Every structure is written in structure tokens, then in C-alpha cells.
């Protein structure tokens, strides 16, 4: 019985210390950063039909990255619009900038 008491106390004490010492994980944020200043074309497939446009500064989430036959990077993105999360489509990856918040 006494051995179990020490074990429980050790787990509680050391477990609590570990939780306090662990640093917070940074959140990655991505935004539309089209250098031309025009809205970024949103496509149904990489380099496909334009289905919408996104303004510079719009926060997005990159779900997947692929390359077209010319080895150009395309990102499948999603994000929030009017408070609802939506899967949007594909954009040219070089016009999306990501950083840790």
C-alpha cells in the first residue's frame, strides 16, 4: 500500500511539472499575398477553371500541395467565409505566405 502512495505522488508531481515546462505550440497562419495586388484566382483543379477569387490578406489553410506538368506548385485551400468553414479549391502556391503566430 505504501509503495502505491509514493508512485501516485510521484506521477502527480512530475506530471504537473512537465505540463508547466512544455512550451505552447505555435499556430501556422497562411494568407493570400498576390504581389500584383489583384485578387488571387481560385480554381477547381490545379491550373484549371477559375471558380472564384480571394483578396490579399485573406486567411487560408493549406490542405495539400501538388505540382502541375510544368512543376509549378499548387495548394488546395480552405478557410472561413461568413463564419462557416469551407473547402475552397486550388491556388498558385507561391501567392500564399505562411508564418507562425
PDB file of N, CA and C in Angstrom:
ATOM      1  N   UNK A   1       0.820  -1.191   0.000  1.00  0.00           N
ATOM      2  CA  UNK A   1       0.000   0.000   0.000  1.00  0.00           C
ATOM      3  C   UNK A   1       0.861   1.250   0.000  1.00  0.00           C
ATOM      4  N   UNK A   2       1.898   1.241   0.811  1.00  0.00           N
ATOM      5  CA  UNK A   2       2.761   2.398   0.927  1.00  0.00           C
ATOM      6  C   UNK A   2       3.480   2.667  -0.401  1.00  0.00           C
ATOM      7  N   UNK A   3       3.892   1.629  -1.117  1.00  0.00           N
ATOM      8  CA  UNK A   3       4.569   1.782  -2.399  1.00  0.00           C
ATOM      9  C   UNK A   3       3.656   2.481  -3.407  1.00  0.00           C
ATOM     10  N   UNK A   4       2.385   2.139  -3.438  1.00  0.00           N
ATOM     11  CA  UNK A   4       1.432   2.769  -4.365  1.00  0.00           C
ATOM     12  C   UNK A   4       1.260   4.250  -4.050  1.00  0.00           C
ATOM     13  N   UNK A   5       1.292   4.616  -2.792  1.00  0.00           N
ATOM     14  CA  UNK A   5       1.161   6.026  -2.405  1.00  0.00           C
ATOM     15  C   UNK A   5       2.309   6.843  -2.975  1.00  0.00           C
ATOM     16  N   UNK A   6       3.522   6.346  -2.883  1.00  0.00           N
ATOM     17  CA  UNK A   6       4.680   7.055  -3.423  1.00  0.00           C
ATOM     18  C   UNK A   6       4.600   7.168  -4.944  1.00  0.00           C
ATOM     19  N   UNK A   7       4.141   6.109  -5.563  1.00  0.00           N
ATOM     20  CA  UNK A   7       4.023   6.097  -7.017  1.00  0.00           C
ATOM     21  C   UNK A   7       3.008   7.136  -7.487  1.00  0.00           C
ATOM     22  N   UNK A   8       1.865   7.198  -6.852  1.00  0.00           N
ATOM     23  CA  UNK A   8       0.827   8.165  -7.216  1.00  0.00           C
ATOM     24  C   UNK A   8       1.330   9.583  -7.007  1.00  0.00           C
ATOM     25  N   UNK A   9       1.968   9.850  -5.874  1.00  0.00           N
ATOM     26  CA  UNK A   9       2.509  11.181  -5.605  1.00  0.00           C
ATOM     27  C   UNK A   9       3.562  11.543  -6.644  1.00  0.00           C
ATOM     28  N   UNK A  10       4.438  10.625  -6.988  1.00  0.00           N
ATOM     29  CA  UNK A  10       5.479  10.893  -7.980  1.00  0.00           C
ATOM     30  C   UNK A  10       4.882  11.233  -9.336  1.00  0.00           C
ATOM     31  N   UNK A  11       3.881  10.489  -9.759  1.00  0.00           N
ATOM     32  CA  UNK A  11       3.249  10.733 -11.054  1.00  0.00           C
ATOM     33  C   UNK A  11       2.577  12.095 -11.064  1.00  0.00           C
ATOM     34  N   UNK A  12       1.875  12.433 -10.000  1.00  0.00           N
ATOM     35  CA  UNK A  12       1.185  13.725  -9.935  1.00  0.00           C
ATOM     36  C   UNK A  12       2.186  14.871  -9.939  1.00  0.00           C
ATOM     37  N   UNK A  13       3.211  14.795  -9.113  1.00  0.00           N
ATOM     38  CA  UNK A  13       4.196  15.870  -9.014  1.00  0.00           C
ATOM     39  C   UNK A  13       4.967  16.032 -10.316  1.00  0.00           C
ATOM     40  N   UNK A  14       5.537  14.960 -10.821  1.00  0.00           N
ATOM     41  CA  UNK A  14       6.350  15.077 -12.025  1.00  0.00           C
ATOM     42  C   UNK A  14       5.500  15.343 -13.259  1.00  0.00           C
ATOM     43  N   UNK A  15       4.310  14.811 -13.299  1.00  0.00           N
ATOM     44  CA  UNK A  15       3.408  15.084 -14.418  1.00  0.00           C
ATOM     45  C   UNK A  15       3.030  16.554 -14.464  1.00  0.00           C
ATOM     46  N   UNK A  16       2.774  17.147 -13.300  1.00  0.00           N
ATOM     47  CA  UNK A  16       2.423  18.568 -13.245  1.00  0.00           C
ATOM     48  C   UNK A  16       3.582  19.454 -13.656  1.00  0.00           C
ATOM     49  N   UNK A  17       4.788  19.121 -13.231  1.00  0.00           N
ATOM     50  CA  UNK A  17       5.965  19.903 -13.597  1.00  0.00           C
ATOM     51  C   UNK A  17       6.180  19.856 -15.102  1.00  0.00           C
ATOM     52  N   UNK A  18       6.029  18.697 -15.690  1.00  0.00           N
ATOM     53  CA  UNK A  18       6.216  18.543 -17.126  1.00  0.00           C
ATOM     54  C   UNK A  18       5.226  19.402 -17.899  1.00  0.00           C
ATOM     55  N   UNK A  19       3.983  19.453 -17.458  1.00  0.00           N
ATOM     56  CA  UNK A  19       2.956  20.234 -18.154  1.00  0.00           C
ATOM     57  C   UNK A  19       3.267  21.723 -18.083  1.00  0.00           C
ATOM     58  N   UNK A  20       3.826  22.171 -16.974  1.00  0.00           N
ATOM     59  CA  UNK A  20       4.142  23.589 -16.817  1.00  0.00           C
ATOM     60  C   UNK A  20       5.329  23.982 -17.687  1.00  0.00           C
ATOM     61  N   UNK A  21       6.300  23.102 -17.830  1.00  0.00           N
ATOM     62  CA  UNK A  21       7.518  23.412 -18.572  1.00  0.00           C
ATOM     63  C   UNK A  21       7.308  23.367 -20.083  1.00  0.00           C
ATOM     64  N   UNK A  22       6.381  22.566 -20.570  1.00  0.00           N
ATOM     65  CA  UNK A  22       6.176  22.402 -22.012  1.00  0.00           C
ATOM     66  C   UNK A  22       5.782  23.724 -22.671  1.00  0.00           C
ATOM     67  N   UNK A  23       6.475  24.118 -23.744  1.00  0.00           N
ATOM     68  CA  UNK A  23       6.123  25.359 -24.428  1.00  0.00           C
ATOM     69  C   UNK A  23       4.834  25.193 -25.225  1.00  0.00           C
ATOM     70  N   UNK A  24       4.136  26.298 -25.431  1.00  0.00           N
ATOM     71  CA  UNK A  24       2.914  26.270 -26.238  1.00  0.00           C
ATOM     72  C   UNK A  24       3.284  26.060 -27.702  1.00  0.00           C
ATOM     73  N   UNK A  25       2.471  25.304 -28.402  1.00  0.00           N
ATOM     74  CA  UNK A  25       2.717  25.035 -29.819  1.00  0.00           C
ATOM     75  C   UNK A  25       2.254  26.235 -30.644  1.00  0.00           C
ATOM     76  N   UNK A  26       3.082  26.674 -31.565  1.00  0.00           N
ATOM     77  CA  UNK A  26       2.737  27.807 -32.419  1.00  0.00           C
ATOM     78  C   UNK A  26       1.710  27.384 -33.464  1.00  0.00           C
ATOM     79  N   UNK A  27       0.838  28.312 -33.822  1.00  0.00           N
ATOM     80  CA  UNK A  27      -0.177  28.048 -34.832  1.00  0.00           C
ATOM     81  C   UNK A  27       0.296  28.621 -36.159  1.00  0.00           C
ATOM     82  N   UNK A  28       0.251  27.803 -37.214  1.00  0.00           N
ATOM     83  CA  UNK A  28       0.646  28.283 -38.535  1.00  0.00           C
ATOM     84  C   UNK A  28      -0.534  29.000 -39.182  1.00  0.00           C
ATOM     85  N   UNK A  29      -0.263  30.193 -39.664  1.00  0.00           N
ATOM     86  CA  UNK A  29      -1.273  31.006 -40.328  1.00  0.00           C
ATOM     87  C   UNK A  29      -0.806  31.258 -41.754  1.00  0.00           C
ATOM     88  N   UNK A  30      -1.708  31.096 -42.714  1.00  0.00           N
ATOM     89  CA  UNK A  30      -1.386  31.374 -44.115  1.00  0.00           C
ATOM     90  C   UNK A  30      -2.331  32.445 -44.632  1.00  0.00           C
ATOM     91  N   UNK A  31      -1.799  33.319 -45.483  1.00  0.00           N
ATOM     92  CA  UNK A  31      -2.601  34.397 -46.060  1.00  0.00           C
ATOM     93  C   UNK A  31      -2.294  34.538 -47.540  1.00  0.00           C
ATOM     94  N   UNK A  32      -3.286  35.040 -48.271  1.00  0.00           N
ATOM     95  CA  UNK A  32      -3.104  35.348 -49.687  1.00  0.00           C
ATOM     96  C   UNK A  32      -2.184  36.559 -49.782  1.00  0.00           C
ATOM     97  N   UNK A  33      -1.108  36.431 -50.577  1.00  0.00           N
ATOM     98  CA  UNK A  33      -0.155  37.531 -50.775  1.00  0.00           C
ATOM     99  C   UNK A  33       0.214  37.619 -52.247  1.00  0.00           C
ATOM    100  N   UNK A  34      -0.731  38.011 -53.068  1.00  0.00           N
ATOM    101  CA  UNK A  34      -0.504  38.149 -54.509  1.00  0.00           C
ATOM    102  C   UNK A  34       0.243  39.457 -54.755  1.00  0.00           C
ATOM    103  N   UNK A  35       1.480  39.401 -55.271  1.00  0.00           N
ATOM    104  CA  UNK A  35       2.289  40.615 -55.441  1.00  0.00           C
ATOM    105  C   UNK A  35       1.723  41.592 -56.473  1.00  0.00           C
ATOM    106  N   UNK A  36       0.814  41.138 -57.318  1.00  0.00           N
ATOM    107  CA  UNK A  36       0.234  42.048 -58.314  1.00  0.00           C
ATOM    108  C   UNK A  36      -0.819  42.952 -57.687  1.00  0.00           C
ATOM    109  N   UNK A  37      -1.261  42.609 -56.472  1.00  0.00           N
ATOM    110  CA  UNK A  37      -2.280  43.412 -55.810  1.00  0.00           C
ATOM    111  C   UNK A  37      -3.695  43.086 -56.261  1.00  0.00           C
ATOM    112  N   UNK A  38      -3.825  42.211 -57.224  1.00  0.00           N
ATOM    113  CA  UNK A  38      -5.153  41.814 -57.705  1.00  0.00           C
ATOM    114  C   UNK A  38      -5.612  40.578 -56.937  1.00  0.00           C
ATOM    115  N   UNK A  39      -6.913  40.300 -56.920  1.00  0.00           N
ATOM    116  CA  UNK A  39      -7.379  39.085 -56.236  1.00  0.00           C
ATOM    117  C   UNK A  39      -6.755  37.828 -56.850  1.00  0.00           C
ATOM    118  N   UNK A  40      -6.527  36.839 -55.997  1.00  0.00           N
ATOM    119  CA  UNK A  40      -5.924  35.576 -56.416  1.00  0.00           C
ATOM    120  C   UNK A  40      -7.006  34.655 -56.972  1.00  0.00           C
ATOM    121  N   UNK A  41      -6.764  34.108 -58.151  1.00  0.00           N
ATOM    122  CA  UNK A  41      -7.729  33.200 -58.770  1.00  0.00           C
ATOM    123  C   UNK A  41      -7.799  31.885 -58.006  1.00  0.00           C
ATOM    124  N   UNK A  42      -9.005  31.455 -57.733  1.00  0.00           N
ATOM    125  CA  UNK A  42      -9.291  30.191 -57.077  1.00  0.00           C
ATOM    126  C   UNK A  42      -9.813  29.242 -58.148  1.00  0.00           C
ATOM    127  N   UNK A  43      -9.240  28.055 -58.231  1.00  0.00           N
ATOM    128  CA  UNK A  43      -9.549  27.141 -59.338  1.00  0.00           C
ATOM    129  C   UNK A  43     -10.126  25.816 -58.851  1.00  0.00           C
ATOM    130  N   UNK A  44     -10.842  25.146 -59.747  1.00  0.00           N
ATOM    131  CA  UNK A  44     -11.457  23.860 -59.396  1.00  0.00           C
ATOM    132  C   UNK A  44     -10.434  22.730 -59.314  1.00  0.00           C
ATOM    133  N   UNK A  45      -9.383  22.795 -60.100  1.00  0.00           N
ATOM    134  CA  UNK A  45      -8.258  21.855 -60.081  1.00  0.00           C
ATOM    135  C   UNK A  45      -6.993  22.671 -60.325  1.00  0.00           C
ATOM    136  N   UNK A  46      -5.800  22.130 -60.035  1.00  0.00           N
ATOM    137  CA  UNK A  46      -4.582  22.893 -60.313  1.00  0.00           C
ATOM    138  C   UNK A  46      -4.537  23.389 -61.762  1.00  0.00           C
ATOM    139  N   UNK A  47      -4.357  24.687 -61.928  1.00  0.00           N
ATOM    140  CA  UNK A  47      -4.292  25.358 -63.235  1.00  0.00           C
ATOM    141  C   UNK A  47      -5.573  25.138 -64.055  1.00  0.00           C
ATOM    142  N   UNK A  48      -6.685  24.908 -63.357  1.00  0.00           N
ATOM    143  CA  UNK A  48      -7.959  24.637 -64.026  1.00  0.00           C
ATOM    144  C   UNK A  48      -8.831  25.872 -64.178  1.00  0.00           C
ATOM    145  N   UNK A  49     -10.124  25.620 -64.277  1.00  0.00           N
ATOM    146  CA  UNK A  49     -11.125  26.665 -64.475  1.00  0.00           C
ATOM    147  C   UNK A  49     -11.213  27.550 -63.230  1.00  0.00           C
ATOM    148  N   UNK A  50     -11.275  28.878 -63.420  1.00  0.00           N
ATOM    149  CA  UNK A  50     -11.403  29.831 -62.316  1.00  0.00           C
ATOM    150  C   UNK A  50     -12.835  29.773 -61.787  1.00  0.00           C
ATOM    151  N   UNK A  51     -12.974  29.551 -60.474  1.00  0.00           N
ATOM    152  CA  UNK A  51     -14.300  29.458 -59.869  1.00  0.00           C
ATOM    153  C   UNK A  51     -14.601  30.606 -58.909  1.00  0.00           C
ATOM    154  N   UNK A  52     -13.557  31.345 -58.505  1.00  0.00           N
ATOM    155  CA  UNK A  52     -13.738  32.474 -57.594  1.00  0.00           C
ATOM    156  C   UNK A  52     -12.414  33.211 -57.477  1.00  0.00           C
ATOM    157  N   UNK A  53     -12.374  34.251 -56.632  1.00  0.00           N
ATOM    158  CA  UNK A  53     -11.142  34.989 -56.373  1.00  0.00           C
ATOM    159  C   UNK A  53     -11.058  35.308 -54.887  1.00  0.00           C
ATOM    160  N   UNK A  54      -9.825  35.418 -54.383  1.00  0.00           N
ATOM    161  CA  UNK A  54      -9.588  35.747 -52.979  1.00  0.00           C
ATOM    162  C   UNK A  54      -8.741  37.011 -52.898  1.00  0.00           C
ATOM    163  N   UNK A  55      -9.111  37.909 -51.996  1.00  0.00           N
ATOM    164  CA  UNK A  55      -8.379  39.165 -51.823  1.00  0.00           C
ATOM    165  C   UNK A  55      -7.104  38.943 -51.020  1.00  0.00           C
ATOM    166  N   UNK A  56      -6.126  39.818 -51.242  1.00  0.00           N
ATOM    167  CA  UNK A  56      -4.900  39.792 -50.448  1.00  0.00           C
ATOM    168  C   UNK A  56      -5.247  39.929 -48.969  1.00  0.00           C
ATOM    169  N   UNK A  57      -4.537  39.182 -48.139  1.00  0.00           N
ATOM    170  CA  UNK A  57      -4.748  39.233 -46.702  1.00  0.00           C
ATOM    171  C   UNK A  57      -5.732  38.202 -46.178  1.00  0.00           C
ATOM    172  N   UNK A  58      -6.456  37.531 -47.058  1.00  0.00           N
ATOM    173  CA  UNK A  58      -7.431  36.516 -46.630  1.00  0.00           C
ATOM    174  C   UNK A  58      -6.699  35.336 -45.998  1.00  0.00           C
ATOM    175  N   UNK A  59      -7.107  34.941 -44.788  1.00  0.00           N
ATOM    176  CA  UNK A  59      -6.507  33.781 -44.126  1.00  0.00           C
ATOM    177  C   UNK A  59      -7.025  32.501 -44.754  1.00  0.00           C
ATOM    178  N   UNK A  60      -6.108  31.570 -44.999  1.00  0.00           N
ATOM    179  CA  UNK A  60      -6.460  30.288 -45.609  1.00  0.00           C
ATOM    180  C   UNK A  60      -5.699  29.167 -44.903  1.00  0.00           C
ATOM    181  N   UNK A  61      -6.158  27.950 -45.110  1.00  0.00           N
ATOM    182  CA  UNK A  61      -5.488  26.755 -44.603  1.00  0.00           C
ATOM    183  C   UNK A  61      -5.075  25.908 -45.797  1.00  0.00           C
ATOM    184  N   UNK A  62      -3.806  25.523 -45.838  1.00  0.00           N
ATOM    185  CA  UNK A  62      -3.325  24.663 -46.917  1.00  0.00           C
ATOM    186  C   UNK A  62      -3.568  23.210 -46.518  1.00  0.00           C
ATOM    187  N   UNK A  63      -4.310  22.503 -47.350  1.00  0.00           N
ATOM    188  CA  UNK A  63      -4.643  21.107 -47.079  1.00  0.00           C
ATOM    189  C   UNK A  63      -3.744  20.134 -47.828  1.00  0.00           C
ATOM    190  N   UNK A  64      -3.266  20.572 -48.985  1.00  0.00           N
ATOM    191  CA  UNK A  64      -2.491  19.685 -49.860  1.00  0.00           C
ATOM    192  C   UNK A  64      -1.693  20.549 -50.829  1.00  0.00           C
ATOM    193  N   UNK A  65      -0.541  20.049 -51.246  1.00  0.00           N
ATOM    194  CA  UNK A  65       0.259  20.722 -52.278  1.00  0.00           C
ATOM    195  C   UNK A  65       0.573  19.705 -53.362  1.00  0.00           C
ATOM    196  N   UNK A  66       0.433  20.123 -54.607  1.00  0.00           N
ATOM    197  CA  UNK A  66       0.754  19.268 -55.746  1.00  0.00           C
ATOM    198  C   UNK A  66       1.423  20.127 -56.810  1.00  0.00           C
ATOM    199  N   UNK A  67       1.904  19.488 -57.871  1.00  0.00           N
ATOM    200  CA  UNK A  67       2.602  20.197 -58.948  1.00  0.00           C
ATOM    201  C   UNK A  67       1.944  19.872 -60.278  1.00  0.00           C
ATOM    202  N   UNK A  68       1.884  20.893 -61.153  1.00  0.00           N
ATOM    203  CA  UNK A  68       1.329  20.643 -62.485  1.00  0.00           C
ATOM    204  C   UNK A  68       2.425  20.079 -63.393  1.00  0.00           C
ATOM    205  N   UNK A  69       2.113  19.872 -64.669  1.00  0.00           N
ATOM    206  CA  UNK A  69       3.084  19.255 -65.585  1.00  0.00           C
ATOM    207  C   UNK A  69       4.286  20.149 -65.887  1.00  0.00           C
ATOM    208  N   UNK A  70       4.219  21.427 -65.489  1.00  0.00           N
ATOM    209  CA  UNK A  70       5.368  22.335 -65.633  1.00  0.00           C
ATOM    210  C   UNK A  70       6.121  22.488 -64.308  1.00  0.00           C
ATOM    211  N   UNK A  71       5.803  21.615 -63.323  1.00  0.00           N
ATOM    212  CA  UNK A  71       6.433  21.597 -61.994  1.00  0.00           C
ATOM    213  C   UNK A  71       6.149  22.857 -61.181  1.00  0.00           C
ATOM    214  N   UNK A  72       5.009  23.503 -61.422  1.00  0.00           N
ATOM    215  CA  UNK A  72       4.605  24.671 -60.633  1.00  0.00           C
ATOM    216  C   UNK A  72       3.760  24.192 -59.448  1.00  0.00           C
ATOM    217  N   UNK A  73       3.984  24.779 -58.260  1.00  0.00           N
ATOM    218  CA  UNK A  73       3.260  24.330 -57.065  1.00  0.00           C
ATOM    219  C   UNK A  73       1.842  24.910 -56.974  1.00  0.00           C
ATOM    220  N   UNK A  74       0.898  24.049 -56.601  1.00  0.00           N
ATOM    221  CA  UNK A  74      -0.491  24.452 -56.392  1.00  0.00           C
ATOM    222  C   UNK A  74      -0.930  23.968 -55.016  1.00  0.00           C
ATOM    223  N   UNK A  75      -1.703  24.791 -54.313  1.00  0.00           N
ATOM    224  CA  UNK A  75      -2.171  24.445 -52.972  1.00  0.00           C
ATOM    225  C   UNK A  75      -3.688  24.318 -52.943  1.00  0.00           C
ATOM    226  N   UNK A  76      -4.155  23.230 -52.357  1.00  0.00           N
ATOM    227  CA  UNK A  76      -5.590  23.058 -52.111  1.00  0.00           C
ATOM    228  C   UNK A  76      -5.873  23.751 -50.785  1.00  0.00           C
ATOM    229  N   UNK A  77      -6.809  24.697 -50.793  1.00  0.00           N
ATOM    230  CA  UNK A  77      -7.025  25.508 -49.596  1.00  0.00           C
ATOM    231  C   UNK A  77      -8.470  25.463 -49.110  1.00  0.00           C
ATOM    232  N   UNK A  78      -8.606  25.859 -47.858  1.00  0.00           N
ATOM    233  CA  UNK A  78      -9.912  26.001 -47.225  1.00  0.00           C
ATOM    234  C   UNK A  78      -9.838  27.232 -46.340  1.00  0.00           C
ATOM    235  N   UNK A  79     -10.970  27.601 -45.759  1.00  0.00           N
ATOM    236  CA  UNK A  79     -10.990  28.745 -44.865  1.00  0.00           C
ATOM    237  C   UNK A  79     -12.399  29.063 -44.419  1.00  0.00           C
ATOM    238  N   UNK A  80     -12.530  30.179 -43.741  1.00  0.00           N
ATOM    239  CA  UNK A  80     -13.830  30.603 -43.231  1.00  0.00           C
ATOM    240  C   UNK A  80     -14.388  31.739 -44.077  1.00  0.00           C
ATOM    241  N   UNK A  81     -15.682  31.653 -44.346  1.00  0.00           N
ATOM    242  CA  UNK A  81     -16.405  32.720 -45.044  1.00  0.00           C
ATOM    243  C   UNK A  81     -17.757  32.872 -44.355  1.00  0.00           C
ATOM    244  N   UNK A  82     -18.026  34.072 -43.866  1.00  0.00           N
ATOM    245  CA  UNK A  82     -19.263  34.338 -43.115  1.00  0.00           C
ATOM    246  C   UNK A  82     -19.444  33.371 -41.948  1.00  0.00           C
ATOM    247  N   UNK A  83     -18.332  33.065 -41.269  1.00  0.00           N
ATOM    248  CA  UNK A  83     -18.379  32.215 -40.089  1.00  0.00           C
ATOM    249  C   UNK A  83     -18.474  30.726 -40.350  1.00  0.00           C
ATOM    250  N   UNK A  84     -18.475  30.318 -41.608  1.00  0.00           N
ATOM    251  CA  UNK A  84     -18.574  28.896 -41.942  1.00  0.00           C
ATOM    252  C   UNK A  84     -17.293  28.418 -42.613  1.00  0.00           C
ATOM    253  N   UNK A  85     -16.814  27.257 -42.174  1.00  0.00           N
ATOM    254  CA  UNK A  85     -15.612  26.655 -42.745  1.00  0.00           C
ATOM    255  C   UNK A  85     -15.972  26.006 -44.074  1.00  0.00           C
ATOM    256  N   UNK A  86     -15.166  26.305 -45.109  1.00  0.00           N
ATOM    257  CA  UNK A  86     -15.438  25.756 -46.438  1.00  0.00           C
ATOM    258  C   UNK A  86     -14.152  25.293 -47.115  1.00  0.00           C
ATOM    259  N   UNK A  87     -14.289  24.259 -47.913  1.00  0.00           N
ATOM    260  CA  UNK A  87     -13.218  23.825 -48.805  1.00  0.00           C
ATOM    261  C   UNK A  87     -13.359  24.688 -50.048  1.00  0.00           C
ATOM    262  N   UNK A  88     -12.308  25.439 -50.406  1.00  0.00           N
ATOM    263  CA  UNK A  88     -12.437  26.405 -51.491  1.00  0.00           C
ATOM    264  C   UNK A  88     -11.973  25.877 -52.836  1.00  0.00           C
ATOM    265  N   UNK A  89     -10.774  25.361 -52.920  1.00  0.00           N
ATOM    266  CA  UNK A  89     -10.247  24.903 -54.200  1.00  0.00           C
ATOM    267  C   UNK A  89      -8.739  25.068 -54.251  1.00  0.00           C
ATOM    268  N   UNK A  90      -8.215  25.326 -55.453  1.00  0.00           N
ATOM    269  CA  UNK A  90      -6.771  25.363 -55.694  1.00  0.00           C
ATOM    270  C   UNK A  90      -6.300  26.763 -56.069  1.00  0.00           C
ATOM    271  N   UNK A  91      -5.123  27.142 -55.530  1.00  0.00           N
ATOM    272  CA  UNK A  91      -4.484  28.417 -55.873  1.00  0.00           C
ATOM    273  C   UNK A  91      -3.004  28.168 -56.153  1.00  0.00           C
ATOM    274  N   UNK A  92      -2.394  29.111 -56.857  1.00  0.00           N
ATOM    275  CA  UNK A  92      -0.961  29.038 -57.115  1.00  0.00           C
ATOM    276  C   UNK A  92      -0.238  29.224 -55.785  1.00  0.00           C
ATOM    277  N   UNK A  93       0.544  28.236 -55.366  1.00  0.00           N
ATOM    278  CA  UNK A  93       1.153  28.198 -54.027  1.00  0.00           C
ATOM    279  C   UNK A  93       2.058  29.383 -53.737  1.00  0.00           C
ATOM    280  N   UNK A  94       2.723  29.908 -54.734  1.00  0.00           N
ATOM    281  CA  UNK A  94       3.672  30.996 -54.497  1.00  0.00           C
ATOM    282  C   UNK A  94       2.991  32.291 -54.061  1.00  0.00           C
ATOM    283  N   UNK A  95       1.668  32.359 -54.145  1.00  0.00           N
ATOM    284  CA  UNK A  95       0.936  33.554 -53.723  1.00  0.00           C
ATOM    285  C   UNK A  95       0.268  33.369 -52.359  1.00  0.00           C
ATOM    286  N   UNK A  96       0.728  32.353 -51.610  1.00  0.00           N
ATOM    287  CA  UNK A  96       0.272  32.117 -50.237  1.00  0.00           C
ATOM    288  C   UNK A  96       1.506  32.161 -49.336  1.00  0.00           C
ATOM    289  N   UNK A  97       1.457  33.011 -48.313  1.00  0.00           N
ATOM    290  CA  UNK A  97       2.565  33.108 -47.355  1.00  0.00           C
ATOM    291  C   UNK A  97       2.105  32.576 -46.006  1.00  0.00           C
ATOM    292  N   UNK A  98       2.963  31.780 -45.371  1.00  0.00           N
ATOM    293  CA  UNK A  98       2.631  31.184 -44.075  1.00  0.00           C
ATOM    294  C   UNK A  98       3.679  31.578 -43.036  1.00  0.00           C
ATOM    295  N   UNK A  99       3.223  31.713 -41.797  1.00  0.00           N
ATOM    296  CA  UNK A  99       4.112  32.046 -40.685  1.00  0.00           C
ATOM    297  C   UNK A  99       3.484  31.518 -39.403  1.00  0.00           C
ATOM    298  N   UNK A 100       4.290  31.443 -38.338  1.00  0.00           N
ATOM    299  CA  UNK A 100       3.786  31.003 -37.033  1.00  0.00           C
ATOM    300  C   UNK A 100       3.299  32.201 -36.247  1.00  0.00           C
ATOM    301  N   UNK A 101       2.124  32.055 -35.666  1.00  0.00           N
ATOM    302  CA  UNK A 101       1.514  33.124 -34.877  1.00  0.00           C
ATOM    303  C   UNK A 101       2.044  33.067 -33.473  1.00  0.00           C
TER     304      UNK A 101
END
